[in-house]
Full PDB file with SEQRES, HELIX, SHEET, SSBOND, CRYST1, ORIGX, SCALE, CONECT and MASTER records, all heavy atoms in Angstrom:
SEQRES   1 A   36  ALA ILE ILE SER TYR GLY PHE ASP GLU ALA ARG ALA ALA          
SEQRES   2 A   36  PHE ALA ALA ALA ASN VAL ALA LEU HIS THR LEU THR ASP          
SEQRES   3 A   36  PHE GLU THR LEU LEU GLN LEU ALA ASP GLY                      
HELIX    1 AA1 ASP A    8  ALA A   16  1                                   9    
HELIX    2 AA2 PHE A   27  ASP A   35  1                                   9    
CRYST1    1.000    1.000    1.000  90.00  90.00  90.00 P 1           1          
ORIGX1      1.000000  0.000000  0.000000        0.00000                         
ORIGX2      0.000000  1.000000  0.000000        0.00000                         
ORIGX3      0.000000  0.000000  1.000000        0.00000                         
SCALE1      1.000000  0.000000  0.000000        0.00000                         
SCALE2      0.000000  1.000000  0.000000        0.00000                         
SCALE3      0.000000  0.000000  1.000000        0.00000                         
ATOM      1  N   ALA A   1     -60.487  87.181 -82.459  1.00  0.00           N  
ATOM      2  CA  ALA A   1     -61.663  88.043 -82.580  1.00  0.00           C  
ATOM      3  C   ALA A   1     -62.458  87.942 -81.291  1.00  0.00           C  
ATOM      4  O   ALA A   1     -62.425  86.918 -80.602  1.00  0.00           O  
ATOM      5  CB  ALA A   1     -62.530  87.634 -83.762  1.00  0.00           C  
ATOM      6  N   ILE A   2     -63.168  89.015 -80.971  1.00  0.00           N  
ATOM      7  CA  ILE A   2     -64.009  88.982 -79.778  1.00  0.00           C  
ATOM      8  C   ILE A   2     -65.127  87.962 -79.978  1.00  0.00           C  
ATOM      9  O   ILE A   2     -65.396  87.148 -79.102  1.00  0.00           O  
ATOM     10  CB  ILE A   2     -64.598  90.369 -79.490  1.00  0.00           C  
ATOM     11  CG1 ILE A   2     -63.471  91.372 -79.197  1.00  0.00           C  
ATOM     12  CG2 ILE A   2     -65.569  90.302 -78.302  1.00  0.00           C  
ATOM     13  CD1 ILE A   2     -63.933  92.811 -79.112  1.00  0.00           C  
ATOM     14  N   ILE A   3     -65.727  87.996 -81.157  1.00  0.00           N  
ATOM     15  CA  ILE A   3     -66.838  87.092 -81.443  1.00  0.00           C  
ATOM     16  C   ILE A   3     -66.970  86.900 -82.943  1.00  0.00           C  
ATOM     17  O   ILE A   3     -66.569  87.760 -83.728  1.00  0.00           O  
ATOM     18  CB  ILE A   3     -68.155  87.648 -80.852  1.00  0.00           C  
ATOM     19  CG1 ILE A   3     -69.271  86.596 -80.899  1.00  0.00           C  
ATOM     20  CG2 ILE A   3     -68.568  88.936 -81.544  1.00  0.00           C  
ATOM     21  CD1 ILE A   3     -70.498  86.989 -80.091  1.00  0.00           C  
ATOM     22  N   SER A   4     -67.495  85.760 -83.333  1.00  0.00           N  
ATOM     23  CA  SER A   4     -67.773  85.465 -84.737  1.00  0.00           C  
ATOM     24  C   SER A   4     -69.222  85.022 -84.860  1.00  0.00           C  
ATOM     25  O   SER A   4     -69.776  84.412 -83.939  1.00  0.00           O  
ATOM     26  CB  SER A   4     -66.850  84.353 -85.244  1.00  0.00           C  
ATOM     27  OG  SER A   4     -67.285  83.873 -86.506  1.00  0.00           O  
ATOM     28  N   TYR A   5     -69.833  85.335 -85.985  1.00  0.00           N  
ATOM     29  CA  TYR A   5     -71.193  84.844 -86.223  1.00  0.00           C  
ATOM     30  C   TYR A   5     -71.197  83.333 -86.443  1.00  0.00           C  
ATOM     31  O   TYR A   5     -72.244  82.703 -86.358  1.00  0.00           O  
ATOM     32  CB  TYR A   5     -71.797  85.547 -87.441  1.00  0.00           C  
ATOM     33  CG  TYR A   5     -72.374  86.905 -87.119  1.00  0.00           C  
ATOM     34  CD1 TYR A   5     -71.606  88.051 -87.264  1.00  0.00           C  
ATOM     35  CD2 TYR A   5     -73.675  87.042 -86.651  1.00  0.00           C  
ATOM     36  CE1 TYR A   5     -72.120  89.302 -86.957  1.00  0.00           C  
ATOM     37  CE2 TYR A   5     -74.194  88.290 -86.341  1.00  0.00           C  
ATOM     38  CZ  TYR A   5     -73.415  89.412 -86.499  1.00  0.00           C  
ATOM     39  OH  TYR A   5     -73.921  90.652 -86.178  1.00  0.00           O  
ATOM     40  N   GLY A   6     -70.037  82.771 -86.737  1.00  0.00           N  
ATOM     41  CA  GLY A   6     -69.945  81.324 -86.885  1.00  0.00           C  
ATOM     42  C   GLY A   6     -70.472  80.793 -88.204  1.00  0.00           C  
ATOM     43  O   GLY A   6     -70.827  79.606 -88.299  1.00  0.00           O  
ATOM     44  N   PHE A   7     -70.516  81.631 -89.232  1.00  0.00           N  
ATOM     45  CA  PHE A   7     -70.998  81.180 -90.533  1.00  0.00           C  
ATOM     46  C   PHE A   7     -70.062  80.136 -91.133  1.00  0.00           C  
ATOM     47  O   PHE A   7     -68.841  80.234 -91.015  1.00  0.00           O  
ATOM     48  CB  PHE A   7     -71.092  82.358 -91.511  1.00  0.00           C  
ATOM     49  CG  PHE A   7     -72.123  83.394 -91.151  1.00  0.00           C  
ATOM     50  CD1 PHE A   7     -71.978  84.703 -91.592  1.00  0.00           C  
ATOM     51  CD2 PHE A   7     -73.240  83.080 -90.390  1.00  0.00           C  
ATOM     52  CE1 PHE A   7     -72.917  85.667 -91.275  1.00  0.00           C  
ATOM     53  CE2 PHE A   7     -74.189  84.031 -90.074  1.00  0.00           C  
ATOM     54  CZ  PHE A   7     -74.024  85.331 -90.519  1.00  0.00           C  
ATOM     55  N   ASP A   8     -70.644  79.148 -91.801  1.00  0.00           N  
ATOM     56  CA  ASP A   8     -69.838  78.143 -92.495  1.00  0.00           C  
ATOM     57  C   ASP A   8     -68.927  78.793 -93.528  1.00  0.00           C  
ATOM     58  O   ASP A   8     -67.793  78.356 -93.744  1.00  0.00           O  
ATOM     59  CB  ASP A   8     -70.744  77.119 -93.189  1.00  0.00           C  
ATOM     60  CG  ASP A   8     -71.460  76.205 -92.208  1.00  0.00           C  
ATOM     61  OD1 ASP A   8     -70.990  76.091 -91.048  1.00  0.00           O  
ATOM     62  OD2 ASP A   8     -72.490  75.613 -92.591  1.00  0.00           O  
ATOM     63  N   GLU A   9     -69.423  79.844 -94.161  1.00  0.00           N  
ATOM     64  CA  GLU A   9     -68.654  80.571 -95.170  1.00  0.00           C  
ATOM     65  C   GLU A   9     -67.350  81.115 -94.582  1.00  0.00           C  
ATOM     66  O   GLU A   9     -66.286  81.040 -95.203  1.00  0.00           O  
ATOM     67  CB  GLU A   9     -69.498  81.724 -95.712  1.00  0.00           C  
ATOM     68  CG  GLU A   9     -68.823  82.590 -96.743  1.00  0.00           C  
ATOM     69  CD  GLU A   9     -69.726  83.718 -97.226  1.00  0.00           C  
ATOM     70  OE1 GLU A   9     -70.918  83.731 -96.872  1.00  0.00           O  
ATOM     71  OE2 GLU A   9     -69.227  84.582 -97.972  1.00  0.00           O  
ATOM     72  N   ALA A  10     -67.419  81.650 -93.382  1.00  0.00           N  
ATOM     73  CA  ALA A  10     -66.230  82.189 -92.722  1.00  0.00           C  
ATOM     74  C   ALA A  10     -65.271  81.073 -92.333  1.00  0.00           C  
ATOM     75  O   ALA A  10     -64.051  81.191 -92.529  1.00  0.00           O  
ATOM     76  CB  ALA A  10     -66.626  83.000 -91.496  1.00  0.00           C  
ATOM     77  N   ARG A  11     -65.806  79.980 -91.775  1.00  0.00           N  
ATOM     78  CA  ARG A  11     -64.947  78.855 -91.389  1.00  0.00           C  
ATOM     79  C   ARG A  11     -64.191  78.306 -92.593  1.00  0.00           C  
ATOM     80  O   ARG A  11     -62.986  78.029 -92.513  1.00  0.00           O  
ATOM     81  CB  ARG A  11     -65.790  77.755 -90.735  1.00  0.00           C  
ATOM     82  CG  ARG A  11     -66.129  78.023 -89.285  1.00  0.00           C  
ATOM     83  CD  ARG A  11     -66.675  76.772 -88.619  1.00  0.00           C  
ATOM     84  NE  ARG A  11     -68.020  76.476 -89.074  1.00  0.00           N  
ATOM     85  CZ  ARG A  11     -69.124  76.885 -88.449  1.00  0.00           C  
ATOM     86  NH1 ARG A  11     -69.025  77.605 -87.346  1.00  0.00           N  
ATOM     87  NH2 ARG A  11     -70.323  76.576 -88.906  1.00  0.00           N  
ATOM     88  N   ALA A  12     -64.898  78.174 -93.715  1.00  0.00           N  
ATOM     89  CA  ALA A  12     -64.257  77.652 -94.927  1.00  0.00           C  
ATOM     90  C   ALA A  12     -63.192  78.613 -95.445  1.00  0.00           C  
ATOM     91  O   ALA A  12     -62.118  78.184 -95.900  1.00  0.00           O  
ATOM     92  CB  ALA A  12     -65.315  77.405 -96.006  1.00  0.00           C  
ATOM     93  N   ALA A  13     -63.474  79.910 -95.371  1.00  0.00           N  
ATOM     94  CA  ALA A  13     -62.530  80.911 -95.874  1.00  0.00           C  
ATOM     95  C   ALA A  13     -61.251  80.935 -95.037  1.00  0.00           C  
ATOM     96  O   ALA A  13     -60.141  81.001 -95.587  1.00  0.00           O  
ATOM     97  CB  ALA A  13     -63.180  82.286 -95.881  1.00  0.00           C  
ATOM     98  N   PHE A  14     -61.381  80.859 -93.716  1.00  0.00           N  
ATOM     99  CA  PHE A  14     -60.194  80.841 -92.862  1.00  0.00           C  
ATOM    100  C   PHE A  14     -59.390  79.561 -93.072  1.00  0.00           C  
ATOM    101  O   PHE A  14     -58.154  79.590 -93.096  1.00  0.00           O  
ATOM    102  CB  PHE A  14     -60.589  81.002 -91.395  1.00  0.00           C  
ATOM    103  CG  PHE A  14     -60.734  82.428 -90.958  1.00  0.00           C  
ATOM    104  CD1 PHE A  14     -61.961  83.074 -91.051  1.00  0.00           C  
ATOM    105  CD2 PHE A  14     -59.651  83.137 -90.461  1.00  0.00           C  
ATOM    106  CE1 PHE A  14     -62.103  84.407 -90.661  1.00  0.00           C  
ATOM    107  CE2 PHE A  14     -59.778  84.460 -90.070  1.00  0.00           C  
ATOM    108  CZ  PHE A  14     -61.007  85.100 -90.175  1.00  0.00           C  
ATOM    109  N   ALA A  15     -60.088  78.444 -93.226  1.00  0.00           N  
ATOM    110  CA  ALA A  15     -59.398  77.176 -93.465  1.00  0.00           C  
ATOM    111  C   ALA A  15     -58.635  77.219 -94.784  1.00  0.00           C  
ATOM    112  O   ALA A  15     -57.485  76.764 -94.870  1.00  0.00           O  
ATOM    113  CB  ALA A  15     -60.401  76.026 -93.464  1.00  0.00           C  
ATOM    114  N   ALA A  16     -59.263  77.781 -95.821  1.00  0.00           N  
ATOM    115  CA  ALA A  16     -58.612  77.870 -97.135  1.00  0.00           C  
ATOM    116  C   ALA A  16     -57.383  78.765 -97.080  1.00  0.00           C  
ATOM    117  O   ALA A  16     -56.412  78.554 -97.823  1.00  0.00           O  
ATOM    118  CB  ALA A  16     -59.605  78.393 -98.172  1.00  0.00           C  
ATOM    119  N   ALA A  17     -57.420  79.762 -96.201  1.00  0.00           N  
ATOM    120  CA  ALA A  17     -56.290  80.687 -96.073  1.00  0.00           C  
ATOM    121  C   ALA A  17     -55.235  80.175 -95.089  1.00  0.00           C  
ATOM    122  O   ALA A  17     -54.208  80.839 -94.871  1.00  0.00           O  
ATOM    123  CB  ALA A  17     -56.786  82.052 -95.615  1.00  0.00           C  
ATOM    124  N   ASN A  18     -55.476  78.993 -94.507  1.00  0.00           N  
ATOM    125  CA  ASN A  18     -54.563  78.419 -93.512  1.00  0.00           C  
ATOM    126  C   ASN A  18     -54.351  79.353 -92.320  1.00  0.00           C  
ATOM    127  O   ASN A  18     -53.226  79.567 -91.863  1.00  0.00           O  
ATOM    128  CB  ASN A  18     -53.214  78.058 -94.154  1.00  0.00           C  
ATOM    129  CG  ASN A  18     -53.325  76.927 -95.139  1.00  0.00           C  
ATOM    130  OD1 ASN A  18     -53.958  75.908 -94.860  1.00  0.00           O  
ATOM    131  ND2 ASN A  18     -52.728  77.084 -96.320  1.00  0.00           N  
ATOM    132  N   VAL A  19     -55.459  79.913 -91.847  1.00  0.00           N  
ATOM    133  CA  VAL A  19     -55.436  80.783 -90.670  1.00  0.00           C  
ATOM    134  C   VAL A  19     -56.398  80.204 -89.630  1.00  0.00           C  
ATOM    135  O   VAL A  19     -57.563  79.966 -89.930  1.00  0.00           O  
ATOM    136  CB  VAL A  19     -55.858  82.223 -91.014  1.00  0.00           C  
ATOM    137  CG1 VAL A  19     -55.914  83.086 -89.748  1.00  0.00           C  
ATOM    138  CG2 VAL A  19     -54.907  82.837 -92.029  1.00  0.00           C  
ATOM    139  N   ALA A  20     -55.894  79.975 -88.419  1.00  0.00           N  
ATOM    140  CA  ALA A  20     -56.738  79.482 -87.330  1.00  0.00           C  
ATOM    141  C   ALA A  20     -57.393  80.676 -86.638  1.00  0.00           C  
ATOM    142  O   ALA A  20     -56.703  81.617 -86.234  1.00  0.00           O  
ATOM    143  CB  ALA A  20     -55.903  78.690 -86.339  1.00  0.00           C  
ATOM    144  N   LEU A  21     -58.720  80.642 -86.512  1.00  0.00           N  
ATOM    145  CA  LEU A  21     -59.459  81.719 -85.861  1.00  0.00           C  
ATOM    146  C   LEU A  21     -59.788  81.336 -84.419  1.00  0.00           C  
ATOM    147  O   LEU A  21     -60.342  80.272 -84.166  1.00  0.00           O  
ATOM    148  CB  LEU A  21     -60.751  82.013 -86.627  1.00  0.00           C  
ATOM    149  CG  LEU A  21     -61.682  83.058 -86.010  1.00  0.00           C  
ATOM    150  CD1 LEU A  21     -60.990  84.415 -85.922  1.00  0.00           C  
ATOM    151  CD2 LEU A  21     -62.985  83.163 -86.807  1.00  0.00           C  
ATOM    152  N   HIS A  22     -59.459  82.235 -83.493  1.00  0.00           N  
ATOM    153  CA  HIS A  22     -59.713  82.015 -82.066  1.00  0.00           C  
ATOM    154  C   HIS A  22     -60.610  83.143 -81.565  1.00  0.00           C  
ATOM    155  O   HIS A  22     -60.268  84.318 -81.703  1.00  0.00           O  
ATOM    156  CB  HIS A  22     -58.401  82.032 -81.282  1.00  0.00           C  
ATOM    157  CG  HIS A  22     -57.321  81.183 -81.878  1.00  0.00           C  
ATOM    158  ND1 HIS A  22     -57.141  79.861 -81.551  1.00  0.00           N  
ATOM    159  CD2 HIS A  22     -56.362  81.480 -82.805  1.00  0.00           C  
ATOM    160  CE1 HIS A  22     -56.112  79.369 -82.233  1.00  0.00           C  
ATOM    161  NE2 HIS A  22     -55.626  80.339 -83.001  1.00  0.00           N  
ATOM    162  N   THR A  23     -61.762  82.806 -80.986  1.00  0.00           N  
ATOM    163  CA  THR A  23     -62.686  83.833 -80.509  1.00  0.00           C  
ATOM    164  C   THR A  23     -62.887  83.733 -78.993  1.00  0.00           C  
ATOM    165  O   THR A  23     -62.754  82.649 -78.412  1.00  0.00           O  
ATOM    166  CB  THR A  23     -64.054  83.719 -81.200  1.00  0.00           C  
ATOM    167  OG1 THR A  23     -64.650  82.458 -80.882  1.00  0.00           O  
ATOM    168  CG2 THR A  23     -63.912  83.843 -82.719  1.00  0.00           C  
ATOM    169  N   LEU A  24     -63.220  84.875 -78.395  1.00  0.00           N  
ATOM    170  CA  LEU A  24     -63.446  84.903 -76.952  1.00  0.00           C  
ATOM    171  C   LEU A  24     -64.782  84.298 -76.561  1.00  0.00           C  
ATOM    172  O   LEU A  24     -64.913  83.685 -75.507  1.00  0.00           O  
ATOM    173  CB  LEU A  24     -63.381  86.343 -76.435  1.00  0.00           C  
ATOM    174  CG  LEU A  24     -62.033  87.049 -76.528  1.00  0.00           C  
ATOM    175  CD1 LEU A  24     -62.128  88.446 -75.927  1.00  0.00           C  
ATOM    176  CD2 LEU A  24     -60.936  86.247 -75.832  1.00  0.00           C  
ATOM    177  N   THR A  25     -65.787  84.490 -77.412  1.00  0.00           N  
ATOM    178  CA  THR A  25     -67.102  83.956 -77.100  1.00  0.00           C  
ATOM    179  C   THR A  25     -67.844  83.658 -78.394  1.00  0.00           C  
ATOM    180  O   THR A  25     -67.276  83.822 -79.485  1.00  0.00           O  
ATOM    181  CB  THR A  25     -67.899  84.930 -76.211  1.00  0.00           C  
ATOM    182  OG1 THR A  25     -69.064  84.272 -75.709  1.00  0.00           O  
ATOM    183  CG2 THR A  25     -68.289  86.191 -76.961  1.00  0.00           C  
ATOM    184  N   ASP A  26     -69.085  83.201 -78.276  1.00  0.00           N  
ATOM    185  CA  ASP A  26     -69.864  82.857 -79.462  1.00  0.00           C  
ATOM    186  C   ASP A  26     -71.324  83.233 -79.237  1.00  0.00           C  
ATOM    187  O   ASP A  26     -71.740  83.557 -78.116  1.00  0.00           O  
ATOM    188  CB  ASP A  26     -69.732  81.372 -79.796  1.00  0.00           C  
ATOM    189  CG  ASP A  26     -70.035  80.475 -78.611  1.00  0.00           C  
ATOM    190  OD1 ASP A  26     -71.070  80.689 -77.945  1.00  0.00           O  
ATOM    191  OD2 ASP A  26     -69.234  79.568 -78.339  1.00  0.00           O  
ATOM    192  N   PHE A  27     -72.099  83.179 -80.288  1.00  0.00           N  
ATOM    193  CA  PHE A  27     -73.483  83.610 -80.199  1.00  0.00           C  
ATOM    194  C   PHE A  27     -74.366  82.641 -79.419  1.00  0.00           C  
ATOM    195  O   PHE A  27     -75.377  83.045 -78.845  1.00  0.00           O  
ATOM    196  CB  PHE A  27     -74.057  83.869 -81.593  1.00  0.00           C  
ATOM    197  CG  PHE A  27     -73.800  85.265 -82.062  1.00  0.00           C  
ATOM    198  CD1 PHE A  27     -72.676  85.547 -82.815  1.00  0.00           C  
ATOM    199  CD2 PHE A  27     -74.643  86.303 -81.711  1.00  0.00           C  
ATOM    200  CE1 PHE A  27     -72.407  86.839 -83.231  1.00  0.00           C  
ATOM    201  CE2 PHE A  27     -74.390  87.599 -82.119  1.00  0.00           C  
ATOM    202  CZ  PHE A  27     -73.269  87.874 -82.882  1.00  0.00           C  
ATOM    203  N   GLU A  28     -74.005  81.377 -79.389  1.00  0.00           N  
ATOM    204  CA  GLU A  28     -74.778  80.433 -78.588  1.00  0.00           C  
ATOM    205  C   GLU A  28     -74.717  80.833 -77.111  1.00  0.00           C  
ATOM    206  O   GLU A  28     -75.730  80.829 -76.404  1.00  0.00           O  
ATOM    207  CB  GLU A  28     -74.257  79.014 -78.775  1.00  0.00           C  
ATOM    208  CG  GLU A  28     -75.002  77.959 -77.964  1.00  0.00           C  
ATOM    209  CD  GLU A  28     -76.499  77.919 -78.268  1.00  0.00           C  
ATOM    210  OE1 GLU A  28     -76.894  78.168 -79.433  1.00  0.00           O  
ATOM    211  OE2 GLU A  28     -77.280  77.656 -77.324  1.00  0.00           O  
ATOM    212  N   THR A  29     -73.518  81.200 -76.654  1.00  0.00           N  
ATOM    213  CA  THR A  29     -73.353  81.648 -75.277  1.00  0.00           C  
ATOM    214  C   THR A  29     -74.134  82.934 -75.030  1.00  0.00           C  
ATOM    215  O   THR A  29     -74.800  83.095 -73.997  1.00  0.00           O  
ATOM    216  CB  THR A  29     -71.862  81.870 -74.962  1.00  0.00           C  
ATOM    217  OG1 THR A  29     -71.147  80.654 -75.198  1.00  0.00           O  
ATOM    218  CG2 THR A  29     -71.666  82.282 -73.510  1.00  0.00           C  
ATOM    219  N   LEU A  30     -74.077  83.859 -75.976  1.00  0.00           N  
ATOM    220  CA  LEU A  30     -74.829  85.108 -75.858  1.00  0.00           C  
ATOM    221  C   LEU A  30     -76.329  84.855 -75.733  1.00  0.00           C  
ATOM    222  O   LEU A  30     -77.007  85.446 -74.894  1.00  0.00           O  
ATOM    223  CB  LEU A  30     -74.564  86.002 -77.072  1.00  0.00           C  
ATOM    224  CG  LEU A  30     -73.304  86.861 -77.058  1.00  0.00           C  
ATOM    225  CD1 LEU A  30     -73.103  87.498 -78.416  1.00  0.00           C  
ATOM    226  CD2 LEU A  30     -73.401  87.929 -75.986  1.00  0.00           C  
ATOM    227  N   LEU A  31     -76.842  83.975 -76.581  1.00  0.00           N  
ATOM    228  CA  LEU A  31     -78.271  83.686 -76.566  1.00  0.00           C  
ATOM    229  C   LEU A  31     -78.696  83.041 -75.247  1.00  0.00           C  
ATOM    230  O   LEU A  31     -79.755  83.345 -74.706  1.00  0.00           O  
ATOM    231  CB  LEU A  31     -78.643  82.786 -77.730  1.00  0.00           C  
ATOM    232  CG  LEU A  31     -78.727  83.447 -79.110  1.00  0.00           C  
ATOM    233  CD1 LEU A  31     -79.064  82.415 -80.172  1.00  0.00           C  
ATOM    234  CD2 LEU A  31     -79.752  84.564 -79.109  1.00  0.00           C  
ATOM    235  N   GLN A  32     -77.856  82.146 -74.735  1.00  0.00           N  
ATOM    236  CA  GLN A  32     -78.176  81.497 -73.462  1.00  0.00           C  
ATOM    237  C   GLN A  32     -78.267  82.517 -72.335  1.00  0.00           C  
ATOM    238  O   GLN A  32     -79.191  82.488 -71.515  1.00  0.00           O  
ATOM    239  CB  GLN A  32     -77.117  80.445 -73.139  1.00  0.00           C  
ATOM    240  CG  GLN A  32     -77.176  79.211 -74.025  1.00  0.00           C  
ATOM    241  CD  GLN A  32     -76.045  78.240 -73.734  1.00  0.00           C  
ATOM    242  OE1 GLN A  32     -75.266  78.436 -72.812  1.00  0.00           O  
ATOM    243  NE2 GLN A  32     -75.950  77.191 -74.534  1.00  0.00           N  
ATOM    244  N   LEU A  33     -77.302  83.450 -72.305  1.00  0.00           N  
ATOM    245  CA  LEU A  33     -77.309  84.475 -71.263  1.00  0.00           C  
ATOM    246  C   LEU A  33     -78.482  85.432 -71.430  1.00  0.00           C  
ATOM    247  O   LEU A  33     -79.144  85.809 -70.460  1.00  0.00           O  
ATOM    248  CB  LEU A  33     -75.986  85.254 -71.283  1.00  0.00           C  
ATOM    249  CG  LEU A  33     -74.745  84.520 -70.778  1.00  0.00           C  
ATOM    250  CD1 LEU A  33     -73.514  85.402 -70.917  1.00  0.00           C  
ATOM    251  CD2 LEU A  33     -74.918  84.101 -69.320  1.00  0.00           C  
ATOM    252  N   ALA A  34     -78.720  85.856 -72.671  1.00  0.00           N  
ATOM    253  CA  ALA A  34     -79.821  86.788 -72.941  1.00  0.00           C  
ATOM    254  C   ALA A  34     -81.161  86.163 -72.601  1.00  0.00           C  
ATOM    255  O   ALA A  34     -82.050  86.820 -72.060  1.00  0.00           O  
ATOM    256  CB  ALA A  34     -79.796  87.219 -74.401  1.00  0.00           C  
ATOM    257  N   ASP A  35     -81.295  84.876 -72.893  1.00  0.00           N  
ATOM    258  CA  ASP A  35     -82.532  84.154 -72.577  1.00  0.00           C  
ATOM    259  C   ASP A  35     -82.687  84.024 -71.065  1.00  0.00           C  
ATOM    260  O   ASP A  35     -83.750  84.290 -70.498  1.00  0.00           O  
ATOM    261  CB  ASP A  35     -82.482  82.775 -73.236  1.00  0.00           C  
ATOM    262  CG  ASP A  35     -83.807  82.025 -73.142  1.00  0.00           C  
ATOM    263  OD1 ASP A  35     -84.820  82.658 -72.772  1.00  0.00           O  
ATOM    264  OD2 ASP A  35     -83.831  80.819 -73.431  1.00  0.00           O  
ATOM    265  N   GLY A  36     -81.593  83.639 -70.403  1.00  0.00           N  
ATOM    266  CA  GLY A  36     -81.645  83.463 -68.956  1.00  0.00           C  
ATOM    267  C   GLY A  36     -81.921  84.752 -68.203  1.00  0.00           C  
ATOM    268  O   GLY A  36     -82.593  84.747 -67.164  1.00  0.00           O  
TER     269      GLY A  36                                                      
MASTER        0    0    0    2    0    0    0    6  268    1    0    3          
END                                                                             
């Protein structure tokens, strides 16, 4: 995925489905750039 909101609900759902999620970036990085 390009990006995920990073919700615990999503992490648990992917783990339960035995699917590893790989994202290009995250919201923490976005916030740092937007703030800067």
